[in-house]
Amino acid sequence: DKTHPIPDLTGYITEGQIILNREIMRRGINPPIDVLQSLSRLKD
């Protein structure tokens, strides 16, 4: 749950997030990084 207090508050303080996805893992993709949901606010 991304709305759980721990990830929710962490997201407010930090500059983005790398999200691992269970469905991507099931398809045999490792590391199962969900690039569409992930974000690095300082990448530019």
PDB file of all heavy atoms in Angstrom:
ATOM      1  N   ASP A   1       0.835  -1.209   0.000  1.00  0.00           N
ATOM      2  CA  ASP A   1       0.000   0.000   0.000  1.00  0.00           C
ATOM      3  C   ASP A   1       0.870   1.260   0.000  1.00  0.00           C
ATOM      4  O   ASP A   1       1.517   1.579   0.995  1.00  0.00           O
ATOM      5  CB  ASP A   1      -0.909  -0.025   1.244  1.00  0.00           C
ATOM      6  CG  ASP A   1      -1.829   1.189   1.316  1.00  0.00           C
ATOM      7  OD1 ASP A   1      -1.901   1.944   0.325  1.00  0.00           O
ATOM      8  OD2 ASP A   1      -2.474   1.368   2.368  1.00  0.00           O
ATOM      9  N   LYS A   2       0.862   1.996  -1.113  1.00  0.00           N
ATOM     10  CA  LYS A   2       1.654   3.219  -1.220  1.00  0.00           C
ATOM     11  C   LYS A   2       1.108   4.351  -0.352  1.00  0.00           C
ATOM     12  O   LYS A   2       1.807   5.317  -0.080  1.00  0.00           O
ATOM     13  CB  LYS A   2       1.700   3.696  -2.678  1.00  0.00           C
ATOM     14  CG  LYS A   2       2.645   2.914  -3.554  1.00  0.00           C
ATOM     15  CD  LYS A   2       2.728   3.504  -4.950  1.00  0.00           C
ATOM     16  CE  LYS A   2       1.462   3.242  -5.726  1.00  0.00           C
ATOM     17  NZ  LYS A   2       1.591   3.633  -7.156  1.00  0.00           N
ATOM     18  N   THR A   3      -0.165   4.229   0.065  1.00  0.00           N
ATOM     19  CA  THR A   3      -0.763   5.273   0.894  1.00  0.00           C
ATOM     20  C   THR A   3      -0.561   5.012   2.390  1.00  0.00           C
ATOM     21  O   THR A   3      -1.032   5.789   3.217  1.00  0.00           O
ATOM     22  CB  THR A   3      -2.272   5.398   0.611  1.00  0.00           C
ATOM     23  OG1 THR A   3      -2.938   4.190   1.047  1.00  0.00           O
ATOM     24  CG2 THR A   3      -2.526   5.613  -0.868  1.00  0.00           C
ATOM     25  N   HIS A   4       0.116   3.910   2.731  1.00  0.00           N
ATOM     26  CA  HIS A   4       0.427   3.619   4.128  1.00  0.00           C
ATOM     27  C   HIS A   4       1.276   4.760   4.689  1.00  0.00           C
ATOM     28  O   HIS A   4       2.053   5.382   3.960  1.00  0.00           O
ATOM     29  CB  HIS A   4       1.178   2.283   4.219  1.00  0.00           C
ATOM     30  CG  HIS A   4       1.403   1.808   5.611  1.00  0.00           C
ATOM     31  ND1 HIS A   4       2.444   2.274   6.397  1.00  0.00           N
ATOM     32  CD2 HIS A   4       0.727   0.908   6.379  1.00  0.00           C
ATOM     33  CE1 HIS A   4       2.389   1.682   7.577  1.00  0.00           C
ATOM     34  NE2 HIS A   4       1.369   0.856   7.589  1.00  0.00           N
ATOM     35  N   PRO A   5       1.135   5.093   5.984  1.00  0.00           N
ATOM     36  CA  PRO A   5       1.860   6.244   6.536  1.00  0.00           C
ATOM     37  C   PRO A   5       3.366   6.249   6.290  1.00  0.00           C
ATOM     38  O   PRO A   5       3.949   7.302   6.065  1.00  0.00           O
ATOM     39  CB  PRO A   5       1.560   6.149   8.042  1.00  0.00           C
ATOM     40  CG  PRO A   5       0.253   5.443   8.125  1.00  0.00           C
ATOM     41  CD  PRO A   5       0.213   4.490   6.974  1.00  0.00           C
ATOM     42  N   ILE A   6       4.004   5.070   6.295  1.00  0.00           N
ATOM     43  CA  ILE A   6       5.470   5.049   6.161  1.00  0.00           C
ATOM     44  C   ILE A   6       5.909   5.490   4.763  1.00  0.00           C
ATOM     45  O   ILE A   6       6.680   6.451   4.629  1.00  0.00           O
ATOM     46  CB  ILE A   6       6.046   3.663   6.527  1.00  0.00           C
ATOM     47  CG1 ILE A   6       5.675   3.308   7.966  1.00  0.00           C
ATOM     48  CG2 ILE A   6       7.566   3.657   6.356  1.00  0.00           C
ATOM     49  CD1 ILE A   6       6.001   1.878   8.361  1.00  0.00           C
ATOM     50  N   PRO A   7       5.441   4.840   3.659  1.00  0.00           N
ATOM     51  CA  PRO A   7       5.821   5.351   2.342  1.00  0.00           C
ATOM     52  C   PRO A   7       5.249   6.735   2.053  1.00  0.00           C
ATOM     53  O   PRO A   7       5.881   7.544   1.361  1.00  0.00           O
ATOM     54  CB  PRO A   7       5.266   4.302   1.370  1.00  0.00           C
ATOM     55  CG  PRO A   7       4.239   3.546   2.126  1.00  0.00           C
ATOM     56  CD  PRO A   7       4.669   3.582   3.554  1.00  0.00           C
ATOM     57  N   ASP A   8       4.068   7.012   2.585  1.00  0.00           N
ATOM     58  CA  ASP A   8       3.423   8.298   2.325  1.00  0.00           C
ATOM     59  C   ASP A   8       4.272   9.445   2.887  1.00  0.00           C
ATOM     60  O   ASP A   8       4.582  10.417   2.178  1.00  0.00           O
ATOM     61  CB  ASP A   8       2.026   8.301   2.960  1.00  0.00           C
ATOM     62  CG  ASP A   8       1.206   9.528   2.572  1.00  0.00           C
ATOM     63  OD1 ASP A   8       1.378  10.010   1.440  1.00  0.00           O
ATOM     64  OD2 ASP A   8       0.416  10.002   3.402  1.00  0.00           O
ATOM     65  N   LEU A   9       4.669   9.342   4.138  1.00  0.00           N
ATOM     66  CA  LEU A   9       5.472  10.395   4.761  1.00  0.00           C
ATOM     67  C   LEU A   9       6.871  10.447   4.163  1.00  0.00           C
ATOM     68  O   LEU A   9       7.440  11.528   3.976  1.00  0.00           O
ATOM     69  CB  LEU A   9       5.547  10.175   6.278  1.00  0.00           C
ATOM     70  CG  LEU A   9       4.218  10.259   7.034  1.00  0.00           C
ATOM     71  CD1 LEU A   9       4.431   9.979   8.511  1.00  0.00           C
ATOM     72  CD2 LEU A   9       3.556  11.622   6.844  1.00  0.00           C
ATOM     73  N   THR A  10       7.417   9.274   3.833  1.00  0.00           N
ATOM     74  CA  THR A  10       8.743   9.228   3.204  1.00  0.00           C
ATOM     75  C   THR A  10       8.725   9.973   1.874  1.00  0.00           C
ATOM     76  O   THR A  10       9.663  10.708   1.543  1.00  0.00           O
ATOM     77  CB  THR A  10       9.180   7.764   2.993  1.00  0.00           C
ATOM     78  OG1 THR A  10       9.345   7.136   4.273  1.00  0.00           O
ATOM     79  CG2 THR A  10      10.491   7.680   2.228  1.00  0.00           C
ATOM     80  N   GLY A  11       7.647   9.795   1.109  1.00  0.00           N
ATOM     81  CA  GLY A  11       7.523  10.462  -0.182  1.00  0.00           C
ATOM     82  C   GLY A  11       7.497  11.975  -0.074  1.00  0.00           C
ATOM     83  O   GLY A  11       7.975  12.681  -0.964  1.00  0.00           O
ATOM     84  N   TYR A  12       6.940  12.494   1.025  1.00  0.00           N
ATOM     85  CA  TYR A  12       6.893  13.944   1.230  1.00  0.00           C
ATOM     86  C   TYR A  12       8.283  14.525   1.485  1.00  0.00           C
ATOM     87  O   TYR A  12       8.566  15.662   1.124  1.00  0.00           O
ATOM     88  CB  TYR A  12       5.990  14.294   2.420  1.00  0.00           C
ATOM     89  CG  TYR A  12       4.519  14.273   2.102  1.00  0.00           C
ATOM     90  CD1 TYR A  12       3.652  13.414   2.771  1.00  0.00           C
ATOM     91  CD2 TYR A  12       3.975  15.124   1.137  1.00  0.00           C
ATOM     92  CE1 TYR A  12       2.288  13.386   2.495  1.00  0.00           C
ATOM     93  CE2 TYR A  12       2.616  15.098   0.848  1.00  0.00           C
ATOM     94  CZ  TYR A  12       1.782  14.238   1.531  1.00  0.00           C
ATOM     95  OH  TYR A  12       0.437  14.215   1.249  1.00  0.00           O
ATOM     96  N   ILE A  13       9.140  13.744   2.160  1.00  0.00           N
ATOM     97  CA  ILE A  13      10.430  14.270   2.603  1.00  0.00           C
ATOM     98  C   ILE A  13      11.524  14.079   1.554  1.00  0.00           C
ATOM     99  O   ILE A  13      12.408  14.915   1.414  1.00  0.00           O
ATOM    100  CB  ILE A  13      10.852  13.592   3.931  1.00  0.00           C
ATOM    101  CG1 ILE A  13       9.769  13.776   4.993  1.00  0.00           C
ATOM    102  CG2 ILE A  13      12.177  14.146   4.433  1.00  0.00           C
ATOM    103  CD1 ILE A  13       9.936  12.895   6.212  1.00  0.00           C
ATOM    104  N   THR A  14      11.439  12.981   0.807  1.00  0.00           N
ATOM    105  CA  THR A  14      12.523  12.627  -0.117  1.00  0.00           C
ATOM    106  C   THR A  14      12.261  13.157  -1.529  1.00  0.00           C
ATOM    107  O   THR A  14      11.217  13.739  -1.797  1.00  0.00           O
ATOM    108  CB  THR A  14      12.699  11.099  -0.156  1.00  0.00           C
ATOM    109  OG1 THR A  14      11.435  10.483  -0.479  1.00  0.00           O
ATOM    110  CG2 THR A  14      13.166  10.572   1.194  1.00  0.00           C
ATOM    111  N   GLU A  15      13.228  12.927  -2.415  1.00  0.00           N
ATOM    112  CA  GLU A  15      13.157  13.492  -3.772  1.00  0.00           C
ATOM    113  C   GLU A  15      12.882  12.409  -4.802  1.00  0.00           C
ATOM    114  O   GLU A  15      13.682  12.137  -5.683  1.00  0.00           O
ATOM    115  CB  GLU A  15      14.477  14.223  -4.077  1.00  0.00           C
ATOM    116  CG  GLU A  15      14.679  15.428  -3.209  1.00  0.00           C
ATOM    117  CD  GLU A  15      15.987  15.433  -2.436  1.00  0.00           C
ATOM    118  OE1 GLU A  15      16.799  14.520  -2.621  1.00  0.00           O
ATOM    119  OE2 GLU A  15      16.173  16.359  -1.639  1.00  0.00           O
ATOM    120  N   GLY A  16      11.718  11.765  -4.649  1.00  0.00           N
ATOM    121  CA  GLY A  16      11.318  10.732  -5.591  1.00  0.00           C
ATOM    122  C   GLY A  16      11.221   9.370  -4.935  1.00  0.00           C
ATOM    123  O   GLY A  16      11.264   9.242  -3.702  1.00  0.00           O
ATOM    124  N   GLN A  17      11.110   8.335  -5.746  1.00  0.00           N
ATOM    125  CA  GLN A  17      11.073   6.962  -5.246  1.00  0.00           C
ATOM    126  C   GLN A  17      11.289   5.985  -6.391  1.00  0.00           C
ATOM    127  O   GLN A  17      10.900   6.247  -7.517  1.00  0.00           O
ATOM    128  CB  GLN A  17       9.743   6.646  -4.546  1.00  0.00           C
ATOM    129  CG  GLN A  17       8.506   6.623  -5.428  1.00  0.00           C
ATOM    130  CD  GLN A  17       7.949   8.003  -5.688  1.00  0.00           C
ATOM    131  OE1 GLN A  17       8.047   8.889  -4.857  1.00  0.00           O
ATOM    132  NE2 GLN A  17       7.360   8.203  -6.861  1.00  0.00           N
ATOM    133  N   ILE A  18      11.955   4.871  -6.086  1.00  0.00           N
ATOM    134  CA  ILE A  18      12.066   3.732  -6.999  1.00  0.00           C
ATOM    135  C   ILE A  18      11.094   2.682  -6.480  1.00  0.00           C
ATOM    136  O   ILE A  18      11.212   2.253  -5.326  1.00  0.00           O
ATOM    137  CB  ILE A  18      13.495   3.153  -7.023  1.00  0.00           C
ATOM    138  CG1 ILE A  18      14.519   4.229  -7.403  1.00  0.00           C
ATOM    139  CG2 ILE A  18      13.578   1.958  -7.970  1.00  0.00           C
ATOM    140  CD1 ILE A  18      14.378   4.773  -8.792  1.00  0.00           C
ATOM    141  N   ILE A  19      10.130   2.279  -7.302  1.00  0.00           N
ATOM    142  CA  ILE A  19       9.091   1.350  -6.847  1.00  0.00           C
ATOM    143  C   ILE A  19       9.302  -0.031  -7.474  1.00  0.00           C
ATOM    144  O   ILE A  19       9.450  -0.147  -8.695  1.00  0.00           O
ATOM    145  CB  ILE A  19       7.689   1.884  -7.196  1.00  0.00           C
ATOM    146  CG1 ILE A  19       7.409   3.164  -6.397  1.00  0.00           C
ATOM    147  CG2 ILE A  19       6.613   0.837  -6.915  1.00  0.00           C
ATOM    148  CD1 ILE A  19       6.035   3.748  -6.590  1.00  0.00           C
ATOM    149  N   LEU A  20       9.331  -1.051  -6.635  1.00  0.00           N
ATOM    150  CA  LEU A  20       9.394  -2.439  -7.107  1.00  0.00           C
ATOM    151  C   LEU A  20       7.981  -2.979  -7.204  1.00  0.00           C
ATOM    152  O   LEU A  20       7.156  -2.741  -6.331  1.00  0.00           O
ATOM    153  CB  LEU A  20      10.235  -3.300  -6.160  1.00  0.00           C
ATOM    154  CG  LEU A  20      11.672  -2.827  -5.883  1.00  0.00           C
ATOM    155  CD1 LEU A  20      12.445  -3.897  -5.121  1.00  0.00           C
ATOM    156  CD2 LEU A  20      12.401  -2.467  -7.159  1.00  0.00           C
ATOM    157  N   ASN A  21       7.711  -3.731  -8.292  1.00  0.00           N
ATOM    158  CA  ASN A  21       6.353  -4.155  -8.616  1.00  0.00           C
ATOM    159  C   ASN A  21       6.253  -5.671  -8.615  1.00  0.00           C
ATOM    160  O   ASN A  21       7.038  -6.358  -9.271  1.00  0.00           O
ATOM    161  CB  ASN A  21       5.964  -3.579  -9.985  1.00  0.00           C
ATOM    162  CG  ASN A  21       4.531  -3.861 -10.360  1.00  0.00           C
ATOM    163  OD1 ASN A  21       4.157  -4.998 -10.602  1.00  0.00           O
ATOM    164  ND2 ASN A  21       3.732  -2.809 -10.422  1.00  0.00           N
ATOM    165  N   ARG A  22       5.264  -6.187  -7.884  1.00  0.00           N
ATOM    166  CA  ARG A  22       5.098  -7.637  -7.766  1.00  0.00           C
ATOM    167  C   ARG A  22       4.698  -8.276  -9.101  1.00  0.00           C
ATOM    168  O   ARG A  22       5.140  -9.369  -9.441  1.00  0.00           O
ATOM    169  CB  ARG A  22       4.037  -7.936  -6.694  1.00  0.00           C
ATOM    170  CG  ARG A  22       4.100  -9.341  -6.154  1.00  0.00           C
ATOM    171  CD  ARG A  22       3.047  -9.561  -5.087  1.00  0.00           C
ATOM    172  NE  ARG A  22       3.227  -8.716  -3.916  1.00  0.00           N
ATOM    173  CZ  ARG A  22       4.092  -8.992  -2.945  1.00  0.00           C
ATOM    174  NH1 ARG A  22       4.856 -10.052  -3.021  1.00  0.00           N
ATOM    175  NH2 ARG A  22       4.196  -8.192  -1.892  1.00  0.00           N
ATOM    176  N   GLU A  23       3.869  -7.592  -9.880  1.00  0.00           N
ATOM    177  CA  GLU A  23       3.421  -8.142 -11.157  1.00  0.00           C
ATOM    178  C   GLU A  23       4.588  -8.260 -12.146  1.00  0.00           C
ATOM    179  O   GLU A  23       4.688  -9.234 -12.895  1.00  0.00           O
ATOM    180  CB  GLU A  23       2.323  -7.235 -11.754  1.00  0.00           C
ATOM    181  CG  GLU A  23       1.743  -7.709 -13.078  1.00  0.00           C
ATOM    182  CD  GLU A  23       1.190  -9.140 -13.009  1.00  0.00           C
ATOM    183  OE1 GLU A  23       0.604  -9.519 -11.984  1.00  0.00           O
ATOM    184  OE2 GLU A  23       1.376  -9.866 -14.015  1.00  0.00           O
ATOM    185  N   ILE A  24       5.464  -7.271 -12.147  1.00  0.00           N
ATOM    186  CA  ILE A  24       6.651  -7.336 -13.016  1.00  0.00           C
ATOM    187  C   ILE A  24       7.540  -8.491 -12.592  1.00  0.00           C
ATOM    188  O   ILE A  24       8.104  -9.207 -13.430  1.00  0.00           O
ATOM    189  CB  ILE A  24       7.411  -5.988 -12.971  1.00  0.00           C
ATOM    190  CG1 ILE A  24       6.555  -4.891 -13.607  1.00  0.00           C
ATOM    191  CG2 ILE A  24       8.752  -6.086 -13.685  1.00  0.00           C
ATOM    192  CD1 ILE A  24       7.142  -3.494 -13.511  1.00  0.00           C
ATOM    193  N   MET A  25       7.655  -8.717 -11.282  1.00  0.00           N
ATOM    194  CA  MET A  25       8.442  -9.838 -10.768  1.00  0.00           C
ATOM    195  C   MET A  25       7.867 -11.167 -11.233  1.00  0.00           C
ATOM    196  O   MET A  25       8.607 -12.092 -11.594  1.00  0.00           O
ATOM    197  CB  MET A  25       8.455  -9.772  -9.228  1.00  0.00           C
ATOM    198  CG  MET A  25       9.276 -10.861  -8.566  1.00  0.00           C
ATOM    199  SD  MET A  25      11.026 -10.613  -8.798  1.00  0.00           S
ATOM    200  CE  MET A  25      11.666 -12.066  -7.965  1.00  0.00           C
ATOM    201  N   ARG A  26       6.534 -11.271 -11.255  1.00  0.00           N
ATOM    202  CA  ARG A  26       5.882 -12.524 -11.689  1.00  0.00           C
ATOM    203  C   ARG A  26       6.210 -12.844 -13.142  1.00  0.00           C
ATOM    204  O   ARG A  26       6.203 -14.000 -13.547  1.00  0.00           O
ATOM    205  CB  ARG A  26       4.364 -12.417 -11.518  1.00  0.00           C
ATOM    206  CG  ARG A  26       3.878 -12.506 -10.079  1.00  0.00           C
ATOM    207  CD  ARG A  26       2.387 -12.797 -10.016  1.00  0.00           C
ATOM    208  NE  ARG A  26       1.887 -12.618  -8.662  1.00  0.00           N
ATOM    209  CZ  ARG A  26       1.195 -11.563  -8.241  1.00  0.00           C
ATOM    210  NH1 ARG A  26       0.917 -10.581  -9.089  1.00  0.00           N
ATOM    211  NH2 ARG A  26       0.771 -11.484  -7.000  1.00  0.00           N
ATOM    212  N   ARG A  27       6.469 -11.812 -13.942  1.00  0.00           N
ATOM    213  CA  ARG A  27       6.806 -12.029 -15.355  1.00  0.00           C
ATOM    214  C   ARG A  27       8.275 -12.373 -15.567  1.00  0.00           C
ATOM    215  O   ARG A  27       8.743 -12.464 -16.696  1.00  0.00           O
ATOM    216  CB  ARG A  27       6.436 -10.785 -16.176  1.00  0.00           C
ATOM    217  CG  ARG A  27       4.943 -10.500 -16.204  1.00  0.00           C
ATOM    218  CD  ARG A  27       4.565  -9.648 -17.400  1.00  0.00           C
ATOM    219  NE  ARG A  27       5.182  -8.333 -17.395  1.00  0.00           N
ATOM    220  CZ  ARG A  27       4.659  -7.259 -16.812  1.00  0.00           C
ATOM    221  NH1 ARG A  27       3.489  -7.355 -16.171  1.00  0.00           N
ATOM    222  NH2 ARG A  27       5.270  -6.094 -16.841  1.00  0.00           N
ATOM    223  N   GLY A  28       9.007 -12.536 -14.461  1.00  0.00           N
ATOM    224  CA  GLY A  28      10.405 -12.936 -14.561  1.00  0.00           C
ATOM    225  C   GLY A  28      11.364 -11.791 -14.825  1.00  0.00           C
ATOM    226  O   GLY A  28      12.507 -12.018 -15.234  1.00  0.00           O
ATOM    227  N   ILE A  29      10.923 -10.545 -14.608  1.00  0.00           N
ATOM    228  CA  ILE A  29      11.779  -9.379 -14.819  1.00  0.00           C
ATOM    229  C   ILE A  29      12.426  -9.015 -13.490  1.00  0.00           C
ATOM    230  O   ILE A  29      11.740  -8.707 -12.515  1.00  0.00           O
ATOM    231  CB  ILE A  29      10.982  -8.168 -15.356  1.00  0.00           C
ATOM    232  CG1 ILE A  29      10.138  -8.561 -16.580  1.00  0.00           C
ATOM    233  CG2 ILE A  29      11.909  -7.003 -15.672  1.00  0.00           C
ATOM    234  CD1 ILE A  29      10.939  -9.043 -17.763  1.00  0.00           C
ATOM    235  N   ASN A  30      13.755  -9.061 -13.436  1.00  0.00           N
ATOM    236  CA  ASN A  30      14.477  -8.784 -12.199  1.00  0.00           C
ATOM    237  C   ASN A  30      15.683  -7.886 -12.490  1.00  0.00           C
ATOM    238  O   ASN A  30      16.445  -8.206 -13.384  1.00  0.00           O
ATOM    239  CB  ASN A  30      14.926 -10.100 -11.564  1.00  0.00           C
ATOM    240  CG  ASN A  30      15.371  -9.934 -10.129  1.00  0.00           C
ATOM    241  OD1 ASN A  30      15.037  -8.963  -9.474  1.00  0.00           O
ATOM    242  ND2 ASN A  30      16.171 -10.872  -9.649  1.00  0.00           N
ATOM    243  N   PRO A  31      15.844  -6.743 -11.826  1.00  0.00           N
ATOM    244  CA  PRO A  31      15.021  -6.235 -10.717  1.00  0.00           C
ATOM    245  C   PRO A  31      13.662  -5.739 -11.217  1.00  0.00           C
ATOM    246  O   PRO A  31      13.597  -5.126 -12.292  1.00  0.00           O
ATOM    247  CB  PRO A  31      15.854  -5.064 -10.174  1.00  0.00           C
ATOM    248  CG  PRO A  31      16.680  -4.612 -11.338  1.00  0.00           C
ATOM    249  CD  PRO A  31      16.976  -5.840 -12.126  1.00  0.00           C
ATOM    250  N   PRO A  32      12.595  -5.986 -10.460  1.00  0.00           N
ATOM    251  CA  PRO A  32      11.239  -5.648 -10.934  1.00  0.00           C
ATOM    252  C   PRO A  32      10.900  -4.179 -10.718  1.00  0.00           C
ATOM    253  O   PRO A  32       9.947  -3.834 -10.017  1.00  0.00           O
ATOM    254  CB  PRO A  32      10.352  -6.572 -10.092  1.00  0.00           C
ATOM    255  CG  PRO A  32      11.101  -6.715  -8.807  1.00  0.00           C
ATOM    256  CD  PRO A  32      12.560  -6.668  -9.152  1.00  0.00           C
ATOM    257  N   ILE A  33      11.689  -3.279 -11.316  1.00  0.00           N
ATOM    258  CA  ILE A  33      11.491  -1.835 -11.131  1.00  0.00           C
ATOM    259  C   ILE A  33      10.369  -1.353 -12.045  1.00  0.00           C
ATOM    260  O   ILE A  33      10.401  -1.569 -13.260  1.00  0.00           O
ATOM    261  CB  ILE A  33      12.794  -1.071 -11.422  1.00  0.00           C
ATOM    262  CG1 ILE A  33      13.873  -1.466 -10.403  1.00  0.00           C
ATOM    263  CG2 ILE A  33      12.559   0.445 -11.386  1.00  0.00           C
ATOM    264  CD1 ILE A  33      15.242  -0.865 -10.671  1.00  0.00           C
ATOM    265  N   ASP A  34       9.374  -0.738 -11.456  1.00  0.00           N
ATOM    266  CA  ASP A  34       8.252  -0.168 -12.205  1.00  0.00           C
ATOM    267  C   ASP A  34       8.642   1.256 -12.614  1.00  0.00           C
ATOM    268  O   ASP A  34       8.453   2.205 -11.860  1.00  0.00           O
ATOM    269  CB  ASP A  34       6.998  -0.161 -11.335  1.00  0.00           C
ATOM    270  CG  ASP A  34       5.748   0.223 -12.111  1.00  0.00           C
ATOM    271  OD1 ASP A  34       5.878   0.860 -13.173  1.00  0.00           O
ATOM    272  OD2 ASP A  34       4.631  -0.105 -11.651  1.00  0.00           O
ATOM    273  N   VAL A  35       9.198   1.394 -13.823  1.00  0.00           N
ATOM    274  CA  VAL A  35       9.739   2.697 -14.223  1.00  0.00           C
ATOM    275  C   VAL A  35       8.643   3.745 -14.419  1.00  0.00           C
ATOM    276  O   VAL A  35       8.902   4.944 -14.291  1.00  0.00           O
ATOM    277  CB  VAL A  35      10.601   2.575 -15.500  1.00  0.00           C
ATOM    278  CG1 VAL A  35      11.813   1.704 -15.242  1.00  0.00           C
ATOM    279  CG2 VAL A  35       9.806   2.044 -16.675  1.00  0.00           C
ATOM    280  N   LEU A  36       7.419   3.308 -14.722  1.00  0.00           N
ATOM    281  CA  LEU A  36       6.340   4.272 -14.935  1.00  0.00           C
ATOM    282  C   LEU A  36       5.867   4.888 -13.622  1.00  0.00           C
ATOM    283  O   LEU A  36       5.400   6.027 -13.587  1.00  0.00           O
ATOM    284  CB  LEU A  36       5.160   3.610 -15.652  1.00  0.00           C
ATOM    285  CG  LEU A  36       5.446   3.065 -17.062  1.00  0.00           C
ATOM    286  CD1 LEU A  36       4.179   2.467 -17.664  1.00  0.00           C
ATOM    287  CD2 LEU A  36       5.991   4.163 -17.972  1.00  0.00           C
ATOM    288  N   GLN A  37       5.975   4.138 -12.531  1.00  0.00           N
ATOM    289  CA  GLN A  37       5.570   4.637 -11.219  1.00  0.00           C
ATOM    290  C   GLN A  37       6.727   5.298 -10.472  1.00  0.00           C
ATOM    291  O   GLN A  37       6.511   6.059  -9.538  1.00  0.00           O
ATOM    292  CB  GLN A  37       5.021   3.483 -10.366  1.00  0.00           C
ATOM    293  CG  GLN A  37       3.760   2.844 -10.900  1.00  0.00           C
ATOM    294  CD  GLN A  37       2.551   3.760 -10.786  1.00  0.00           C
ATOM    295  OE1 GLN A  37       2.425   4.520  -9.838  1.00  0.00           O
ATOM    296  NE2 GLN A  37       1.676   3.706 -11.770  1.00  0.00           N
ATOM    297  N   SER A  38       7.949   4.998 -10.895  1.00  0.00           N
ATOM    298  CA  SER A  38       9.129   5.527 -10.214  1.00  0.00           C
ATOM    299  C   SER A  38       9.427   6.950 -10.672  1.00  0.00           C
ATOM    300  O   SER A  38       8.999   7.375 -11.749  1.00  0.00           O
ATOM    301  CB  SER A  38      10.340   4.624 -10.481  1.00  0.00           C
ATOM    302  OG  SER A  38      10.103   3.306 -10.011  1.00  0.00           O
ATOM    303  N   LEU A  39      10.189   7.649  -9.839  1.00  0.00           N
ATOM    304  CA  LEU A  39      10.489   9.045 -10.155  1.00  0.00           C
ATOM    305  C   LEU A  39      11.728   9.484  -9.392  1.00  0.00           C
ATOM    306  O   LEU A  39      11.870   9.208  -8.202  1.00  0.00           O
ATOM    307  CB  LEU A  39       9.306   9.944  -9.755  1.00  0.00           C
ATOM    308  CG  LEU A  39       9.541  11.457  -9.784  1.00  0.00           C
ATOM    309  CD1 LEU A  39       9.704  11.943 -11.217  1.00  0.00           C
ATOM    310  CD2 LEU A  39       8.400  12.197  -9.090  1.00  0.00           C
ATOM    311  N   SER A  40      12.630  10.151 -10.103  1.00  0.00           N
ATOM    312  CA  SER A  40      13.742  10.840  -9.456  1.00  0.00           C
ATOM    313  C   SER A  40      13.591  12.320  -9.771  1.00  0.00           C
ATOM    314  O   SER A  40      13.777  12.741 -10.915  1.00  0.00           O
ATOM    315  CB  SER A  40      15.094  10.318  -9.961  1.00  0.00           C
ATOM    316  OG  SER A  40      16.137  11.133  -9.494  1.00  0.00           O
ATOM    317  N   ARG A  41      13.234  13.110  -8.768  1.00  0.00           N
ATOM    318  CA  ARG A  41      12.923  14.524  -9.020  1.00  0.00           C
ATOM    319  C   ARG A  41      14.152  15.348  -9.410  1.00  0.00           C
ATOM    320  O   ARG A  41      14.011  16.440  -9.934  1.00  0.00           O
ATOM    321  CB  ARG A  41      12.270  15.142  -7.781  1.00  0.00           C
ATOM    322  CG  ARG A  41      10.893  14.566  -7.469  1.00  0.00           C
ATOM    323  CD  ARG A  41      10.150  15.386  -6.408  1.00  0.00           C
ATOM    324  NE  ARG A  41       8.865  14.790  -6.118  1.00  0.00           N
ATOM    325  CZ  ARG A  41       8.612  14.008  -5.074  1.00  0.00           C
ATOM    326  NH1 ARG A  41       9.580  13.730  -4.217  1.00  0.00           N
ATOM    327  NH2 ARG A  41       7.420  13.504  -4.865  1.00  0.00           N
ATOM    328  N   LEU A  42      15.341  14.816  -9.142  1.00  0.00           N
ATOM    329  CA  LEU A  42      16.556  15.569  -9.445  1.00  0.00           C
ATOM    330  C   LEU A  42      17.291  15.025 -10.673  1.00  0.00           C
ATOM    331  O   LEU A  42      18.407  15.451 -10.958  1.00  0.00           O
ATOM    332  CB  LEU A  42      17.506  15.551  -8.233  1.00  0.00           C
ATOM    333  CG  LEU A  42      16.968  16.172  -6.943  1.00  0.00           C
ATOM    334  CD1 LEU A  42      18.017  16.091  -5.847  1.00  0.00           C
ATOM    335  CD2 LEU A  42      16.553  17.620  -7.163  1.00  0.00           C
ATOM    336  N   LYS A  43      16.658  14.091 -11.397  1.00  0.00           N
ATOM    337  CA  LYS A  43      17.384  13.437 -12.499  1.00  0.00           C
ATOM    338  C   LYS A  43      17.862  14.424 -13.552  1.00  0.00           C
ATOM    339  O   LYS A  43      18.952  14.264 -14.114  1.00  0.00           O
ATOM    340  CB  LYS A  43      16.505  12.350 -13.129  1.00  0.00           C
ATOM    341  CG  LYS A  43      15.225  12.860 -13.777  1.00  0.00           C
ATOM    342  CD  LYS A  43      14.352  11.705 -14.242  1.00  0.00           C
ATOM    343  CE  LYS A  43      13.011  12.212 -14.759  1.00  0.00           C
ATOM    344  NZ  LYS A  43      12.103  11.104 -15.086  1.00  0.00           N
ATOM    345  N   ASP A  44      17.079  15.454 -13.828  1.00  0.00           N
ATOM    346  CA  ASP A  44      17.466  16.420 -14.856  1.00  0.00           C
ATOM    347  C   ASP A  44      18.729  17.183 -14.471  1.00  0.00           C
ATOM    348  O   ASP A  44      19.407  17.734 -15.344  1.00  0.00           O
ATOM    349  CB  ASP A  44      16.327  17.419 -15.097  1.00  0.00           C
ATOM    350  CG  ASP A  44      15.100  16.746 -15.712  1.00  0.00           C
ATOM    351  OD1 ASP A  44      15.281  15.708 -16.371  1.00  0.00           O
ATOM    352  OD2 ASP A  44      13.977  17.245 -15.513  1.00  0.00           O
TER     353      ASP A  44
END
